[in-house]
Amino acid sequence: MTDDPQREYRTRDGTVPGDLITITEHLTGRLWRFIPDNTTPGIAWLLLDSCPSCGAEIPRAHIAGLADLGDYLDPDSDLSSIIEARDDSLHSPGCTFASSATEEPTATSHSTRLSHM
């Protein structure tokens, strides 16, 4: 775990760097990066990955266990974007994935699956 150079959190004594967990996949060398999910302290993390439109590093999924990561990696999964992924400030100007480019986000916070009717 290291200090997150892009995110700070307010405390009573000022701001402190956020936590950043980086895991290297042994076989491929791919880096997996996670930041705390502050709505569920100690229970879940936000997986950082590239925006499908602008390529910026954004939170893409809530991860509370390996099954959640498996769902994220499954190309046939029915996961939708988490609300944190739509934050305009994280994207390049004009990004079509950001919330300003969409009428309504397709998911609510902590809901990564599409509703089934």
PDB file of N, CA and C in Angstrom:
ATOM      1  N   MET A   1       0.855  -1.157   0.000  1.00  0.00           N
ATOM      2  CA  MET A   1       0.000   0.000   0.000  1.00  0.00           C
ATOM      3  C   MET A   1       0.911   1.232   0.000  1.00  0.00           C
ATOM      4  N   THR A   2       0.527   2.210  -0.806  1.00  0.00           N
ATOM      5  CA  THR A   2       1.275   3.456  -0.894  1.00  0.00           C
ATOM      6  C   THR A   2       0.314   4.627  -0.780  1.00  0.00           C
ATOM      7  N   ASP A   3       0.875   5.829  -0.709  1.00  0.00           N
ATOM      8  CA  ASP A   3       0.051   7.032  -0.734  1.00  0.00           C
ATOM      9  C   ASP A   3      -0.430   7.273  -2.153  1.00  0.00           C
ATOM     10  N   ASP A   4      -1.668   7.665  -2.292  1.00  0.00           N
ATOM     11  CA  ASP A   4      -2.252   7.978  -3.593  1.00  0.00           C
ATOM     12  C   ASP A   4      -1.873   9.410  -3.958  1.00  0.00           C
ATOM     13  N   PRO A   5      -1.108   9.595  -5.037  1.00  0.00           N
ATOM     14  CA  PRO A   5      -0.683  10.948  -5.395  1.00  0.00           C
ATOM     15  C   PRO A   5      -1.799  11.817  -5.980  1.00  0.00           C
ATOM     16  N   GLN A   6      -2.950  11.230  -6.311  1.00  0.00           N
ATOM     17  CA  GLN A   6      -4.033  11.985  -6.950  1.00  0.00           C
ATOM     18  C   GLN A   6      -5.199  12.285  -6.029  1.00  0.00           C
ATOM     19  N   ARG A   7      -5.294  11.623  -4.899  1.00  0.00           N
ATOM     20  CA  ARG A   7      -6.461  11.797  -4.038  1.00  0.00           C
ATOM     21  C   ARG A   7      -6.027  12.085  -2.617  1.00  0.00           C
ATOM     22  N   GLU A   8      -6.676  13.077  -2.013  1.00  0.00           N
ATOM     23  CA  GLU A   8      -6.452  13.402  -0.616  1.00  0.00           C
ATOM     24  C   GLU A   8      -7.772  13.312   0.124  1.00  0.00           C
ATOM     25  N   TYR A   9      -7.688  13.066   1.442  1.00  0.00           N
ATOM     26  CA  TYR A   9      -8.879  12.969   2.266  1.00  0.00           C
ATOM     27  C   TYR A   9      -8.735  13.938   3.434  1.00  0.00           C
ATOM     28  N   ARG A  10      -9.821  14.609   3.744  1.00  0.00           N
ATOM     29  CA  ARG A  10      -9.817  15.572   4.839  1.00  0.00           C
ATOM     30  C   ARG A  10      -9.893  14.856   6.172  1.00  0.00           C
ATOM     31  N   THR A  11      -9.120  15.366   7.122  1.00  0.00           N
ATOM     32  CA  THR A  11      -9.170  14.883   8.498  1.00  0.00           C
ATOM     33  C   THR A  11      -9.292  16.097   9.403  1.00  0.00           C
ATOM     34  N   ARG A  12      -9.400  15.881  10.689  1.00  0.00           N
ATOM     35  CA  ARG A  12      -9.471  16.998  11.633  1.00  0.00           C
ATOM     36  C   ARG A  12      -8.219  17.861  11.587  1.00  0.00           C
ATOM     37  N   ASP A  13      -7.085  17.235  11.250  1.00  0.00           N
ATOM     38  CA  ASP A  13      -5.812  17.940  11.261  1.00  0.00           C
ATOM     39  C   ASP A  13      -5.360  18.395   9.879  1.00  0.00           C
ATOM     40  N   GLY A  14      -6.246  18.387   8.901  1.00  0.00           N
ATOM     41  CA  GLY A  14      -5.891  18.771   7.538  1.00  0.00           C
ATOM     42  C   GLY A  14      -6.142  17.633   6.574  1.00  0.00           C
ATOM     43  N   THR A  15      -5.435  17.655   5.467  1.00  0.00           N
ATOM     44  CA  THR A  15      -5.620  16.598   4.478  1.00  0.00           C
ATOM     45  C   THR A  15      -4.473  15.598   4.555  1.00  0.00           C
ATOM     46  N   VAL A  16      -4.789  14.363   4.203  1.00  0.00           N
ATOM     47  CA  VAL A  16      -3.790  13.297   4.146  1.00  0.00           C
ATOM     48  C   VAL A  16      -3.928  12.597   2.805  1.00  0.00           C
ATOM     49  N   PRO A  17      -2.837  12.028   2.299  1.00  0.00           N
ATOM     50  CA  PRO A  17      -2.951  11.281   1.051  1.00  0.00           C
ATOM     51  C   PRO A  17      -3.873  10.079   1.233  1.00  0.00           C
ATOM     52  N   GLY A  18      -4.588   9.731   0.186  1.00  0.00           N
ATOM     53  CA  GLY A  18      -5.412   8.535   0.219  1.00  0.00           C
ATOM     54  C   GLY A  18      -4.558   7.289   0.099  1.00  0.00           C
ATOM     55  N   ASP A  19      -5.157   6.143   0.344  1.00  0.00           N
ATOM     56  CA  ASP A  19      -4.467   4.864   0.192  1.00  0.00           C
ATOM     57  C   ASP A  19      -4.585   4.399  -1.252  1.00  0.00           C
ATOM     58  N   LEU A  20      -3.551   3.793  -1.742  1.00  0.00           N
ATOM     59  CA  LEU A  20      -3.533   3.218  -3.082  1.00  0.00           C
ATOM     60  C   LEU A  20      -2.891   1.846  -2.985  1.00  0.00           C
ATOM     61  N   ILE A  21      -3.628   0.832  -3.372  1.00  0.00           N
ATOM     62  CA  ILE A  21      -3.095  -0.536  -3.380  1.00  0.00           C
ATOM     63  C   ILE A  21      -2.812  -0.904  -4.825  1.00  0.00           C
ATOM     64  N   THR A  22      -1.599  -1.353  -5.080  1.00  0.00           N
ATOM     65  CA  THR A  22      -1.215  -1.797  -6.411  1.00  0.00           C
ATOM     66  C   THR A  22      -0.780  -3.250  -6.325  1.00  0.00           C
ATOM     67  N   ILE A  23      -1.391  -4.071  -7.148  1.00  0.00           N
ATOM     68  CA  ILE A  23      -1.061  -5.498  -7.203  1.00  0.00           C
ATOM     69  C   ILE A  23      -0.577  -5.804  -8.609  1.00  0.00           C
ATOM     70  N   THR A  24       0.537  -6.507  -8.708  1.00  0.00           N
ATOM     71  CA  THR A  24       1.071  -6.893 -10.012  1.00  0.00           C
ATOM     72  C   THR A  24       0.730  -8.352 -10.274  1.00  0.00           C
ATOM     73  N   GLU A  25       0.055  -8.600 -11.384  1.00  0.00           N
ATOM     74  CA  GLU A  25      -0.266  -9.968 -11.789  1.00  0.00           C
ATOM     75  C   GLU A  25       1.032 -10.628 -12.256  1.00  0.00           C
ATOM     76  N   HIS A  26       1.401 -11.699 -11.602  1.00  0.00           N
ATOM     77  CA  HIS A  26       2.695 -12.342 -11.823  1.00  0.00           C
ATOM     78  C   HIS A  26       2.913 -12.788 -13.273  1.00  0.00           C
ATOM     79  N   LEU A  27       1.941 -13.417 -13.895  1.00  0.00           N
ATOM     80  CA  LEU A  27       2.124 -13.987 -15.234  1.00  0.00           C
ATOM     81  C   LEU A  27       2.169 -12.946 -16.345  1.00  0.00           C
ATOM     82  N   THR A  28       1.355 -11.898 -16.212  1.00  0.00           N
ATOM     83  CA  THR A  28       1.264 -10.914 -17.305  1.00  0.00           C
ATOM     84  C   THR A  28       1.949  -9.592 -16.992  1.00  0.00           C
ATOM     85  N   GLY A  29       2.201  -9.324 -15.728  1.00  0.00           N
ATOM     86  CA  GLY A  29       2.775  -8.050 -15.335  1.00  0.00           C
ATOM     87  C   GLY A  29       1.757  -6.921 -15.257  1.00  0.00           C
ATOM     88  N   ARG A  30       0.484  -7.238 -15.483  1.00  0.00           N
ATOM     89  CA  ARG A  30      -0.560  -6.211 -15.412  1.00  0.00           C
ATOM     90  C   ARG A  30      -0.695  -5.688 -13.991  1.00  0.00           C
ATOM     91  N   LEU A  31      -0.864  -4.388 -13.888  1.00  0.00           N
ATOM     92  CA  LEU A  31      -1.070  -3.764 -12.591  1.00  0.00           C
ATOM     93  C   LEU A  31      -2.557  -3.601 -12.311  1.00  0.00           C
ATOM     94  N   TRP A  32      -2.965  -3.970 -11.122  1.00  0.00           N
ATOM     95  CA  TRP A  32      -4.321  -3.743 -10.641  1.00  0.00           C
ATOM     96  C   TRP A  32      -4.216  -2.716  -9.535  1.00  0.00           C
ATOM     97  N   ARG A  33      -4.997  -1.634  -9.633  1.00  0.00           N
ATOM     98  CA  ARG A  33      -4.933  -0.558  -8.649  1.00  0.00           C
ATOM     99  C   ARG A  33      -6.296  -0.381  -7.997  1.00  0.00           C
ATOM    100  N   PHE A  34      -6.264  -0.190  -6.674  1.00  0.00           N
ATOM    101  CA  PHE A  34      -7.480  -0.061  -5.885  1.00  0.00           C
ATOM    102  C   PHE A  34      -7.352   1.120  -4.930  1.00  0.00           C
ATOM    103  N   ILE A  35      -8.471   1.813  -4.716  1.00  0.00           N
ATOM    104  CA  ILE A  35      -8.560   2.863  -3.700  1.00  0.00           C
ATOM    105  C   ILE A  35      -9.708   2.494  -2.771  1.00  0.00           C
ATOM    106  N   PRO A  36      -9.701   3.017  -1.545  1.00  0.00           N
ATOM    107  CA  PRO A  36     -10.782   2.682  -0.613  1.00  0.00           C
ATOM    108  C   PRO A  36     -12.134   3.157  -1.130  1.00  0.00           C
ATOM    109  N   ASP A  37     -13.142   2.352  -0.871  1.00  0.00           N
ATOM    110  CA  ASP A  37     -14.522   2.763  -1.105  1.00  0.00           C
ATOM    111  C   ASP A  37     -14.976   3.378   0.213  1.00  0.00           C
ATOM    112  N   ASN A  38     -14.991   4.689   0.283  1.00  0.00           N
ATOM    113  CA  ASN A  38     -15.272   5.365   1.548  1.00  0.00           C
ATOM    114  C   ASN A  38     -16.700   5.209   2.025  1.00  0.00           C
ATOM    115  N   THR A  39     -17.574   4.651   1.199  1.00  0.00           N
ATOM    116  CA  THR A  39     -18.940   4.395   1.657  1.00  0.00           C
ATOM    117  C   THR A  39     -19.041   3.058   2.384  1.00  0.00           C
ATOM    118  N   THR A  40     -18.009   2.226   2.262  1.00  0.00           N
ATOM    119  CA  THR A  40     -17.973   0.931   2.954  1.00  0.00           C
ATOM    120  C   THR A  40     -16.564   0.698   3.498  1.00  0.00           C
ATOM    121  N   PRO A  41     -16.104   1.505   4.457  1.00  0.00           N
ATOM    122  CA  PRO A  41     -14.729   1.408   4.943  1.00  0.00           C
ATOM    123  C   PRO A  41     -14.362  -0.001   5.406  1.00  0.00           C
ATOM    124  N   GLY A  42     -13.257  -0.489   4.885  1.00  0.00           N
ATOM    125  CA  GLY A  42     -12.754  -1.800   5.280  1.00  0.00           C
ATOM    126  C   GLY A  42     -13.477  -2.982   4.673  1.00  0.00           C
ATOM    127  N   ILE A  43     -14.515  -2.741   3.883  1.00  0.00           N
ATOM    128  CA  ILE A  43     -15.294  -3.838   3.309  1.00  0.00           C
ATOM    129  C   ILE A  43     -15.072  -3.962   1.812  1.00  0.00           C
ATOM    130  N   ALA A  44     -15.035  -2.836   1.114  1.00  0.00           N
ATOM    131  CA  ALA A  44     -14.896  -2.874  -0.341  1.00  0.00           C
ATOM    132  C   ALA A  44     -13.893  -1.829  -0.801  1.00  0.00           C
ATOM    133  N   TRP A  45     -13.390  -2.048  -1.998  1.00  0.00           N
ATOM    134  CA  TRP A  45     -12.442  -1.145  -2.632  1.00  0.00           C
ATOM    135  C   TRP A  45     -12.967  -0.799  -4.011  1.00  0.00           C
ATOM    136  N   LEU A  46     -12.485   0.293  -4.576  1.00  0.00           N
ATOM    137  CA  LEU A  46     -12.841   0.668  -5.938  1.00  0.00           C
ATOM    138  C   LEU A  46     -11.684   0.287  -6.848  1.00  0.00           C
ATOM    139  N   LEU A  47     -11.980  -0.512  -7.863  1.00  0.00           N
ATOM    140  CA  LEU A  47     -10.987  -0.898  -8.850  1.00  0.00           C
ATOM    141  C   LEU A  47     -10.785   0.255  -9.818  1.00  0.00           C
ATOM    142  N   LEU A  48      -9.549   0.684 -10.003  1.00  0.00           N
ATOM    143  CA  LEU A  48      -9.232   1.720 -10.980  1.00  0.00           C
ATOM    144  C   LEU A  48      -8.883   1.054 -12.297  1.00  0.00           C
ATOM    145  N   ASP A  49      -9.436   1.558 -13.376  1.00  0.00           N
ATOM    146  CA  ASP A  49      -9.151   1.034 -14.709  1.00  0.00           C
ATOM    147  C   ASP A  49      -9.375   2.167 -15.711  1.00  0.00           C
ATOM    148  N   SER A  50      -9.049   1.919 -16.932  1.00  0.00           N
ATOM    149  CA  SER A  50      -9.146   2.953 -17.966  1.00  0.00           C
ATOM    150  C   SER A  50     -10.590   3.225 -18.365  1.00  0.00           C
ATOM    151  N   CYS A  51     -10.888   4.495 -18.594  1.00  0.00           N
ATOM    152  CA  CYS A  51     -12.183   4.890 -19.148  1.00  0.00           C
ATOM    153  C   CYS A  51     -12.258   4.335 -20.568  1.00  0.00           C
ATOM    154  N   PRO A  52     -13.385   3.721 -20.935  1.00  0.00           N
ATOM    155  CA  PRO A  52     -13.504   3.177 -22.284  1.00  0.00           C
ATOM    156  C   PRO A  52     -13.551   4.241 -23.372  1.00  0.00           C
ATOM    157  N   SER A  53     -13.771   5.502 -22.993  1.00  0.00           N
ATOM    158  CA  SER A  53     -13.849   6.567 -23.982  1.00  0.00           C
ATOM    159  C   SER A  53     -12.572   7.396 -24.056  1.00  0.00           C
ATOM    160  N   CYS A  54     -12.125   7.943 -22.906  1.00  0.00           N
ATOM    161  CA  CYS A  54     -10.975   8.868 -22.934  1.00  0.00           C
ATOM    162  C   CYS A  54      -9.680   8.259 -22.426  1.00  0.00           C
ATOM    163  N   GLY A  55      -9.751   7.077 -21.799  1.00  0.00           N
ATOM    164  CA  GLY A  55      -8.547   6.411 -21.319  1.00  0.00           C
ATOM    165  C   GLY A  55      -8.065   6.851 -19.953  1.00  0.00           C
ATOM    166  N   ALA A  56      -8.748   7.811 -19.311  1.00  0.00           N
ATOM    167  CA  ALA A  56      -8.346   8.266 -17.974  1.00  0.00           C
ATOM    168  C   ALA A  56      -8.543   7.134 -16.965  1.00  0.00           C
ATOM    169  N   GLU A  57      -7.729   7.124 -15.917  1.00  0.00           N
ATOM    170  CA  GLU A  57      -7.884   6.132 -14.857  1.00  0.00           C
ATOM    171  C   GLU A  57      -9.040   6.561 -13.964  1.00  0.00           C
ATOM    172  N   ILE A  58     -10.076   5.720 -13.890  1.00  0.00           N
ATOM    173  CA  ILE A  58     -11.288   6.028 -13.130  1.00  0.00           C
ATOM    174  C   ILE A  58     -11.708   4.807 -12.325  1.00  0.00           C
ATOM    175  N   PRO A  59     -12.507   4.988 -11.267  1.00  0.00           N
ATOM    176  CA  PRO A  59     -13.074   3.839 -10.567  1.00  0.00           C
ATOM    177  C   PRO A  59     -14.055   3.123 -11.494  1.00  0.00           C
ATOM    178  N   ARG A  60     -13.895   1.810 -11.664  1.00  0.00           N
ATOM    179  CA  ARG A  60     -14.762   1.083 -12.586  1.00  0.00           C
ATOM    180  C   ARG A  60     -15.663   0.062 -11.904  1.00  0.00           C
ATOM    181  N   ALA A  61     -15.284  -0.417 -10.703  1.00  0.00           N
ATOM    182  CA  ALA A  61     -16.106  -1.449 -10.052  1.00  0.00           C
ATOM    183  C   ALA A  61     -15.862  -1.437  -8.546  1.00  0.00           C
ATOM    184  N   HIS A  62     -16.914  -1.794  -7.792  1.00  0.00           N
ATOM    185  CA  HIS A  62     -16.785  -2.030  -6.356  1.00  0.00           C
ATOM    186  C   HIS A  62     -16.292  -3.460  -6.199  1.00  0.00           C
ATOM    187  N   ILE A  63     -15.207  -3.642  -5.457  1.00  0.00           N
ATOM    188  CA  ILE A  63     -14.629  -4.972  -5.274  1.00  0.00           C
ATOM    189  C   ILE A  63     -14.583  -5.282  -3.781  1.00  0.00           C
ATOM    190  N   ALA A  64     -15.356  -6.286  -3.369  1.00  0.00           N
ATOM    191  CA  ALA A  64     -15.347  -6.726  -1.980  1.00  0.00           C
ATOM    192  C   ALA A  64     -14.738  -8.118  -1.855  1.00  0.00           C
ATOM    193  N   GLY A  65     -14.496  -8.775  -2.982  1.00  0.00           N
ATOM    194  CA  GLY A  65     -13.905 -10.112  -2.969  1.00  0.00           C
ATOM    195  C   GLY A  65     -13.491 -10.515  -4.368  1.00  0.00           C
ATOM    196  N   LEU A  66     -12.847 -11.649  -4.468  1.00  0.00           N
ATOM    197  CA  LEU A  66     -12.361 -12.120  -5.763  1.00  0.00           C
ATOM    198  C   LEU A  66     -13.487 -12.371  -6.758  1.00  0.00           C
ATOM    199  N   ALA A  67     -14.662 -12.754  -6.280  1.00  0.00           N
ATOM    200  CA  ALA A  67     -15.797 -12.978  -7.192  1.00  0.00           C
ATOM    201  C   ALA A  67     -16.179 -11.685  -7.910  1.00  0.00           C
ATOM    202  N   ASP A  68     -16.097 -10.548  -7.201  1.00  0.00           N
ATOM    203  CA  ASP A  68     -16.402  -9.261  -7.833  1.00  0.00           C
ATOM    204  C   ASP A  68     -15.395  -8.945  -8.938  1.00  0.00           C
ATOM    205  N   LEU A  69     -14.123  -9.232  -8.688  1.00  0.00           N
ATOM    206  CA  LEU A  69     -13.115  -9.009  -9.715  1.00  0.00           C
ATOM    207  C   LEU A  69     -13.351  -9.950 -10.892  1.00  0.00           C
ATOM    208  N   GLY A  70     -13.719 -11.192 -10.611  1.00  0.00           N
ATOM    209  CA  GLY A  70     -14.038 -12.137 -11.682  1.00  0.00           C
ATOM    210  C   GLY A  70     -15.204 -11.661 -12.527  1.00  0.00           C
ATOM    211  N   ASP A  71     -16.231 -11.122 -11.894  1.00  0.00           N
ATOM    212  CA  ASP A  71     -17.371 -10.568 -12.644  1.00  0.00           C
ATOM    213  C   ASP A  71     -16.926  -9.418 -13.534  1.00  0.00           C
ATOM    214  N   TYR A  72     -16.043  -8.573 -13.002  1.00  0.00           N
ATOM    215  CA  TYR A  72     -15.562  -7.432 -13.782  1.00  0.00           C
ATOM    216  C   TYR A  72     -14.776  -7.915 -15.008  1.00  0.00           C
ATOM    217  N   LEU A  73     -14.006  -8.965 -14.847  1.00  0.00           N
ATOM    218  CA  LEU A  73     -13.172  -9.468 -15.941  1.00  0.00           C
ATOM    219  C   LEU A  73     -13.936 -10.317 -16.953  1.00  0.00           C
ATOM    220  N   ASP A  74     -15.107 -10.814 -16.586  1.00  0.00           N
ATOM    221  CA  ASP A  74     -15.902 -11.676 -17.463  1.00  0.00           C
ATOM    222  C   ASP A  74     -16.513 -10.847 -18.600  1.00  0.00           C
ATOM    223  N   PRO A  75     -16.118 -11.124 -19.849  1.00  0.00           N
ATOM    224  CA  PRO A  75     -16.657 -10.336 -20.968  1.00  0.00           C
ATOM    225  C   PRO A  75     -18.167 -10.515 -21.159  1.00  0.00           C
ATOM    226  N   ASP A  76     -18.745 -11.586 -20.614  1.00  0.00           N
ATOM    227  CA  ASP A  76     -20.175 -11.828 -20.739  1.00  0.00           C
ATOM    228  C   ASP A  76     -20.964 -11.359 -19.520  1.00  0.00           C
ATOM    229  N   SER A  77     -20.278 -10.685 -18.595  1.00  0.00           N
ATOM    230  CA  SER A  77     -20.927 -10.218 -17.377  1.00  0.00           C
ATOM    231  C   SER A  77     -21.933  -9.110 -17.705  1.00  0.00           C
ATOM    232  N   ASP A  78     -22.949  -8.994 -16.869  1.00  0.00           N
ATOM    233  CA  ASP A  78     -23.959  -7.953 -17.059  1.00  0.00           C
ATOM    234  C   ASP A  78     -23.702  -6.740 -16.161  1.00  0.00           C
ATOM    235  N   LEU A  79     -22.439  -6.509 -15.790  1.00  0.00           N
ATOM    236  CA  LEU A  79     -22.117  -5.359 -14.950  1.00  0.00           C
ATOM    237  C   LEU A  79     -22.346  -4.062 -15.707  1.00  0.00           C
ATOM    238  N   SER A  80     -22.844  -3.076 -14.997  1.00  0.00           N
ATOM    239  CA  SER A  80     -22.965  -1.734 -15.568  1.00  0.00           C
ATOM    240  C   SER A  80     -21.988  -0.826 -14.824  1.00  0.00           C
ATOM    241  N   SER A  81     -21.836   0.369 -15.280  1.00  0.00           N
ATOM    242  CA  SER A  81     -20.891   1.301 -14.671  1.00  0.00           C
ATOM    243  C   SER A  81     -21.362   1.735 -13.290  1.00  0.00           C
ATOM    244  N   ILE A  82     -20.406   1.905 -12.385  1.00  0.00           N
ATOM    245  CA  ILE A  82     -20.736   2.447 -11.070  1.00  0.00           C
ATOM    246  C   ILE A  82     -20.805   3.968 -11.184  1.00  0.00           C
ATOM    247  N   ILE A  83     -21.539   4.581 -10.315  1.00  0.00           N
ATOM    248  CA  ILE A  83     -21.759   6.027 -10.378  1.00  0.00           C
ATOM    249  C   ILE A  83     -20.445   6.798 -10.262  1.00  0.00           C
ATOM    250  N   GLU A  84     -19.489   6.281  -9.474  1.00  0.00           N
ATOM    251  CA  GLU A  84     -18.204   6.960  -9.301  1.00  0.00           C
ATOM    252  C   GLU A  84     -17.437   7.076 -10.617  1.00  0.00           C
ATOM    253  N   ALA A  85     -17.715   6.190 -11.566  1.00  0.00           N
ATOM    254  CA  ALA A  85     -17.021   6.205 -12.855  1.00  0.00           C
ATOM    255  C   ALA A  85     -17.456   7.366 -13.729  1.00  0.00           C
ATOM    256  N   ARG A  86     -18.594   7.970 -13.426  1.00  0.00           N
ATOM    257  CA  ARG A  86     -19.151   9.039 -14.262  1.00  0.00           C
ATOM    258  C   ARG A  86     -18.735  10.438 -13.818  1.00  0.00           C
ATOM    259  N   ASP A  87     -17.905  10.560 -12.790  1.00  0.00           N
ATOM    260  CA  ASP A  87     -17.473  11.861 -12.268  1.00  0.00           C
ATOM    261  C   ASP A  87     -16.720  12.636 -13.346  1.00  0.00           C
ATOM    262  N   ASP A  88     -17.299  13.751 -13.795  1.00  0.00           N
ATOM    263  CA  ASP A  88     -16.719  14.561 -14.869  1.00  0.00           C
ATOM    264  C   ASP A  88     -15.273  14.965 -14.601  1.00  0.00           C
ATOM    265  N   SER A  89     -14.939  15.228 -13.339  1.00  0.00           N
ATOM    266  CA  SER A  89     -13.600  15.728 -13.013  1.00  0.00           C
ATOM    267  C   SER A  89     -12.503  14.703 -13.267  1.00  0.00           C
ATOM    268  N   LEU A  90     -12.867  13.443 -13.430  1.00  0.00           N
ATOM    269  CA  LEU A  90     -11.884  12.390 -13.654  1.00  0.00           C
ATOM    270  C   LEU A  90     -11.579  12.156 -15.131  1.00  0.00           C
ATOM    271  N   HIS A  91     -12.396  12.733 -16.015  1.00  0.00           N
ATOM    272  CA  HIS A  91     -12.308  12.454 -17.445  1.00  0.00           C
ATOM    273  C   HIS A  91     -11.694  13.608 -18.231  1.00  0.00           C
ATOM    274  N   SER A  92     -11.240  13.292 -19.416  1.00  0.00           N
ATOM    275  CA  SER A  92     -10.765  14.322 -20.345  1.00  0.00           C
ATOM    276  C   SER A  92     -11.961  15.137 -20.826  1.00  0.00           C
ATOM    277  N   PRO A  93     -11.744  16.415 -21.147  1.00  0.00           N
ATOM    278  CA  PRO A  93     -12.853  17.239 -21.657  1.00  0.00           C
ATOM    279  C   PRO A  93     -13.499  16.588 -22.888  1.00  0.00           C
ATOM    280  N   GLY A  94     -14.818  16.592 -22.915  1.00  0.00           N
ATOM    281  CA  GLY A  94     -15.551  16.028 -24.042  1.00  0.00           C
ATOM    282  C   GLY A  94     -15.724  14.521 -23.999  1.00  0.00           C
ATOM    283  N   CYS A  95     -15.302  13.882 -22.922  1.00  0.00           N
ATOM    284  CA  CYS A  95     -15.423  12.425 -22.823  1.00  0.00           C
ATOM    285  C   CYS A  95     -16.892  12.020 -22.887  1.00  0.00           C
ATOM    286  N   THR A  96     -17.211  11.051 -23.704  1.00  0.00           N
ATOM    287  CA  THR A  96     -18.594  10.610 -23.871  1.00  0.00           C
ATOM    288  C   THR A  96     -19.041   9.641 -22.779  1.00  0.00           C
ATOM    289  N   PHE A  97     -18.136   9.196 -21.918  1.00  0.00           N
ATOM    290  CA  PHE A  97     -18.472   8.285 -20.825  1.00  0.00           C
ATOM    291  C   PHE A  97     -18.838   9.048 -19.551  1.00  0.00           C
ATOM    292  N   ALA A  98     -18.401  10.293 -19.424  1.00  0.00           N
ATOM    293  CA  ALA A  98     -18.640  11.096 -18.224  1.00  0.00           C
ATOM    294  C   ALA A  98     -20.126  11.420 -18.075  1.00  0.00           C
ATOM    295  N   SER A  99     -20.528  11.794 -16.860  1.00  0.00           N
ATOM    296  CA  SER A  99     -21.954  12.035 -16.594  1.00  0.00           C
ATOM    297  C   SER A  99     -22.514  13.195 -17.395  1.00  0.00           C
ATOM    298  N   SER A 100     -21.697  14.183 -17.699  1.00  0.00           N
ATOM    299  CA  SER A 100     -22.217  15.320 -18.465  1.00  0.00           C
ATOM    300  C   SER A 100     -22.566  14.919 -19.894  1.00  0.00           C
ATOM    301  N   ALA A 101     -22.052  13.776 -20.338  1.00  0.00           N
ATOM    302  CA  ALA A 101     -22.330  13.315 -21.696  1.00  0.00           C
ATOM    303  C   ALA A 101     -23.522  12.365 -21.740  1.00  0.00           C
ATOM    304  N   THR A 102     -24.055  12.007 -20.575  1.00  0.00           N
ATOM    305  CA  THR A 102     -25.193  11.089 -20.521  1.00  0.00           C
ATOM    306  C   THR A 102     -26.349  11.757 -19.804  1.00  0.00           C
ATOM    307  N   GLU A 103     -27.558  11.336 -20.131  1.00  0.00           N
ATOM    308  CA  GLU A 103     -28.725  11.920 -19.471  1.00  0.00           C
ATOM    309  C   GLU A 103     -28.858  11.432 -18.044  1.00  0.00           C
ATOM    310  N   GLU A 104     -28.698  10.117 -17.838  1.00  0.00           N
ATOM    311  CA  GLU A 104     -28.803   9.544 -16.504  1.00  0.00           C
ATOM    312  C   GLU A 104     -27.757   8.457 -16.372  1.00  0.00           C
ATOM    313  N   PRO A 105     -27.070   8.361 -15.214  1.00  0.00           N
ATOM    314  CA  PRO A 105     -26.186   7.222 -14.997  1.00  0.00           C
ATOM    315  C   PRO A 105     -26.997   5.936 -15.018  1.00  0.00           C
ATOM    316  N   THR A 106     -26.388   4.830 -15.443  1.00  0.00           N
ATOM    317  CA  THR A 106     -27.098   3.565 -15.548  1.00  0.00           C
ATOM    318  C   THR A 106     -27.078   2.771 -14.262  1.00  0.00           C
ATOM    319  N   ALA A 107     -26.400   3.265 -13.234  1.00  0.00           N
ATOM    320  CA  ALA A 107     -26.331   2.528 -11.980  1.00  0.00           C
ATOM    321  C   ALA A 107     -26.321   3.515 -10.827  1.00  0.00           C
ATOM    322  N   THR A 108     -26.702   3.026  -9.663  1.00  0.00           N
ATOM    323  CA  THR A 108     -26.591   3.829  -8.468  1.00  0.00           C
ATOM    324  C   THR A 108     -25.379   3.351  -7.698  1.00  0.00           C
ATOM    325  N   SER A 109     -24.941   4.154  -6.758  1.00  0.00           N
ATOM    326  CA  SER A 109     -23.787   3.777  -5.966  1.00  0.00           C
ATOM    327  C   SER A 109     -24.014   2.414  -5.325  1.00  0.00           C
ATOM    328  N   HIS A 110     -23.030   1.566  -5.391  1.00  0.00           N
ATOM    329  CA  HIS A 110     -23.036   0.201  -4.869  1.00  0.00           C
ATOM    330  C   HIS A 110     -23.941  -0.735  -5.651  1.00  0.00           C
ATOM    331  N   SER A 111     -24.412  -0.329  -6.784  1.00  0.00           N
ATOM    332  CA  SER A 111     -25.176  -1.224  -7.646  1.00  0.00           C
ATOM    333  C   SER A 111     -24.410  -1.370  -8.941  1.00  0.00           C
ATOM    334  N   THR A 112     -23.763  -2.509  -9.111  1.00  0.00           N
ATOM    335  CA  THR A 112     -22.961  -2.690 -10.317  1.00  0.00           C
ATOM    336  C   THR A 112     -23.650  -3.587 -11.319  1.00  0.00           C
ATOM    337  N   ARG A 113     -24.796  -4.131 -10.965  1.00  0.00           N
ATOM    338  CA  ARG A 113     -25.517  -4.985 -11.900  1.00  0.00           C
ATOM    339  C   ARG A 113     -26.735  -4.239 -12.449  1.00  0.00           C
ATOM    340  N   LEU A 114     -27.056  -4.522 -13.683  1.00  0.00           N
ATOM    341  CA  LEU A 114     -28.256  -3.958 -14.272  1.00  0.00           C
ATOM    342  C   LEU A 114     -29.476  -4.551 -13.611  1.00  0.00           C
ATOM    343  N   SER A 115     -30.529  -3.786 -13.552  1.00  0.00           N
ATOM    344  CA  SER A 115     -31.789  -4.315 -13.008  1.00  0.00           C
ATOM    345  C   SER A 115     -32.381  -5.319 -13.971  1.00  0.00           C
ATOM    346  N   HIS A 116     -32.896  -6.399 -13.429  1.00  0.00           N
ATOM    347  CA  HIS A 116     -33.573  -7.408 -14.243  1.00  0.00           C
ATOM    348  C   HIS A 116     -35.055  -7.307 -14.015  1.00  0.00           C
ATOM    349  N   MET A 117     -35.797  -7.161 -15.086  1.00  0.00           N
ATOM    350  CA  MET A 117     -37.251  -7.031 -14.942  1.00  0.00           C
ATOM    351  C   MET A 117     -37.931  -8.311 -15.328  1.00  0.00           C
TER     352      MET A 117
END
